[in-house]
Amino acid sequence: MSEIQTDLSRLNEKQRQAVVSECKRLLVLAGAGSGKTKTLLQKLIYLIEEKGINPSNILAITFTRNAANEMLDRLIISADTFC
């Protein structure tokens, strides 16, 4: 596992709970602009960096192409900061 600590300081309490949840399945349901994509992205980073999960073993689903593209872009940028 990585020694890098996932930065959860920019998340509110509910978002933090979703990120560190040990549930195998997690539904993030909230209104527009509430930070769902940010929360899901932080969850992915947390699983990979903190829990040592292989990225190919993670399934993340979003319901819009725009959100999916945004998540991919942010993950690429995040991966560049860890190298």
C-alpha atoms as a PDB file:
ATOM      1  CA  MET A   1       0.000   0.000   0.000  1.00  0.00           C
ATOM      2  CA  SER A   2       1.061   3.559  -0.623  1.00  0.00           C
ATOM      3  CA  GLU A   3       2.389   5.908   2.027  1.00  0.00           C
ATOM      4  CA  ILE A   4       0.461   8.776   0.436  1.00  0.00           C
ATOM      5  CA  GLN A   5      -2.530   9.906   2.484  1.00  0.00           C
ATOM      6  CA  THR A   6      -5.594  10.731   0.410  1.00  0.00           C
ATOM      7  CA  ASP A   7      -6.480  14.400   0.980  1.00  0.00           C
ATOM      8  CA  LEU A   8     -10.070  14.486   2.203  1.00  0.00           C
ATOM      9  CA  SER A   9      -9.881  18.046   3.544  1.00  0.00           C
ATOM     10  CA  ARG A  10     -11.906  19.524   0.675  1.00  0.00           C
ATOM     11  CA  LEU A  11     -14.843  17.188   1.276  1.00  0.00           C
ATOM     12  CA  ASN A  12     -17.780  17.799   3.581  1.00  0.00           C
ATOM     13  CA  GLU A  13     -18.706  15.230   6.233  1.00  0.00           C
ATOM     14  CA  LYS A  14     -21.163  13.263   4.066  1.00  0.00           C
ATOM     15  CA  GLN A  15     -18.666  13.146   1.200  1.00  0.00           C
ATOM     16  CA  ARG A  16     -15.919  11.933   3.570  1.00  0.00           C
ATOM     17  CA  GLN A  17     -18.230   9.214   4.883  1.00  0.00           C
ATOM     18  CA  ALA A  18     -18.865   8.021   1.324  1.00  0.00           C
ATOM     19  CA  VAL A  19     -15.153   7.979   0.487  1.00  0.00           C
ATOM     20  CA  VAL A  20     -14.035   5.979   3.526  1.00  0.00           C
ATOM     21  CA  SER A  21     -17.080   3.681   3.622  1.00  0.00           C
ATOM     22  CA  GLU A  22     -16.187  -0.014   3.761  1.00  0.00           C
ATOM     23  CA  CYS A  23     -19.364  -0.965   1.840  1.00  0.00           C
ATOM     24  CA  LYS A  24     -18.701  -2.939  -1.329  1.00  0.00           C
ATOM     25  CA  ARG A  25     -21.472  -1.052  -3.126  1.00  0.00           C
ATOM     26  CA  LEU A  26     -22.129   2.628  -2.595  1.00  0.00           C
ATOM     27  CA  LEU A  27     -24.779   4.915  -4.026  1.00  0.00           C
ATOM     28  CA  VAL A  28     -24.025   8.634  -4.062  1.00  0.00           C
ATOM     29  CA  LEU A  29     -27.321  10.381  -4.700  1.00  0.00           C
ATOM     30  CA  ALA A  30     -27.447  14.176  -4.534  1.00  0.00           C
ATOM     31  CA  GLY A  31     -28.505  17.220  -6.508  1.00  0.00           C
ATOM     32  CA  ALA A  32     -26.723  18.975  -9.337  1.00  0.00           C
ATOM     33  CA  GLY A  33     -23.498  20.704  -8.362  1.00  0.00           C
ATOM     34  CA  SER A  34     -23.305  18.997  -4.976  1.00  0.00           C
ATOM     35  CA  GLY A  35     -19.963  17.288  -5.564  1.00  0.00           C
ATOM     36  CA  LYS A  36     -20.969  13.765  -6.616  1.00  0.00           C
ATOM     37  CA  THR A  37     -18.239  13.508  -9.240  1.00  0.00           C
ATOM     38  CA  LYS A  38     -15.638  14.881  -6.832  1.00  0.00           C
ATOM     39  CA  THR A  39     -16.734  12.368  -4.198  1.00  0.00           C
ATOM     40  CA  LEU A  40     -16.623   9.442  -6.613  1.00  0.00           C
ATOM     41  CA  LEU A  41     -13.206  10.501  -7.868  1.00  0.00           C
ATOM     42  CA  GLN A  42     -11.865  10.738  -4.304  1.00  0.00           C
ATOM     43  CA  LYS A  43     -13.342   7.294  -3.574  1.00  0.00           C
ATOM     44  CA  LEU A  44     -11.466   5.835  -6.549  1.00  0.00           C
ATOM     45  CA  ILE A  45      -8.208   7.471  -5.469  1.00  0.00           C
ATOM     46  CA  TYR A  46      -8.767   6.311  -1.878  1.00  0.00           C
ATOM     47  CA  LEU A  47      -9.368   2.710  -2.958  1.00  0.00           C
ATOM     48  CA  ILE A  48      -6.269   2.664  -5.145  1.00  0.00           C
ATOM     49  CA  GLU A  49      -3.867   4.634  -2.954  1.00  0.00           C
ATOM     50  CA  GLU A  50      -5.007   3.755   0.574  1.00  0.00           C
ATOM     51  CA  LYS A  51      -6.543   0.306   0.193  1.00  0.00           C
ATOM     52  CA  GLY A  52      -4.202  -0.985  -2.521  1.00  0.00           C
ATOM     53  CA  ILE A  53      -7.057  -2.061  -4.800  1.00  0.00           C
ATOM     54  CA  ASN A  54      -6.064  -2.828  -8.374  1.00  0.00           C
ATOM     55  CA  PRO A  55      -7.813  -0.255 -10.622  1.00  0.00           C
ATOM     56  CA  SER A  56      -8.949  -3.031 -12.979  1.00  0.00           C
ATOM     57  CA  ASN A  57     -11.016  -4.450 -10.094  1.00  0.00           C
ATOM     58  CA  ILE A  58     -13.058  -1.264  -9.651  1.00  0.00           C
ATOM     59  CA  LEU A  59     -16.330  -0.543 -11.422  1.00  0.00           C
ATOM     60  CA  ALA A  60     -17.497   3.074 -11.237  1.00  0.00           C
ATOM     61  CA  ILE A  61     -20.753   4.035 -12.910  1.00  0.00           C
ATOM     62  CA  THR A  62     -22.120   7.461 -13.637  1.00  0.00           C
ATOM     63  CA  PHE A  63     -25.210   8.289 -15.618  1.00  0.00           C
ATOM     64  CA  THR A  64     -23.935  10.964 -17.951  1.00  0.00           C
ATOM     65  CA  ARG A  65     -21.213  10.897 -20.551  1.00  0.00           C
ATOM     66  CA  ASN A  66     -20.106  14.344 -19.399  1.00  0.00           C
ATOM     67  CA  ALA A  67     -19.532  13.141 -15.829  1.00  0.00           C
ATOM     68  CA  ALA A  68     -17.697  10.035 -17.068  1.00  0.00           C
ATOM     69  CA  ASN A  69     -15.393  12.138 -19.257  1.00  0.00           C
ATOM     70  CA  GLU A  70     -14.789  14.570 -16.404  1.00  0.00           C
ATOM     71  CA  MET A  71     -13.891  11.689 -14.084  1.00  0.00           C
ATOM     72  CA  LEU A  72     -11.424  10.273 -16.599  1.00  0.00           C
ATOM     73  CA  ASP A  73      -9.805  13.681 -17.084  1.00  0.00           C
ATOM     74  CA  ARG A  74      -9.498  14.208 -13.319  1.00  0.00           C
ATOM     75  CA  LEU A  75      -8.108  10.710 -12.752  1.00  0.00           C
ATOM     76  CA  ILE A  76      -5.438  11.298 -15.394  1.00  0.00           C
ATOM     77  CA  ILE A  77      -4.494  14.604 -13.767  1.00  0.00           C
ATOM     78  CA  SER A  78      -4.452  12.974 -10.308  1.00  0.00           C
ATOM     79  CA  ALA A  79      -2.291  10.103 -11.569  1.00  0.00           C
ATOM     80  CA  ASP A  80       0.205  12.612 -12.967  1.00  0.00           C
ATOM     81  CA  THR A  81       0.612  14.211  -9.507  1.00  0.00           C
ATOM     82  CA  PHE A  82       1.535  10.859  -7.920  1.00  0.00           C
ATOM     83  CA  CYS A  83       4.316  10.089 -10.412  1.00  0.00           C
END
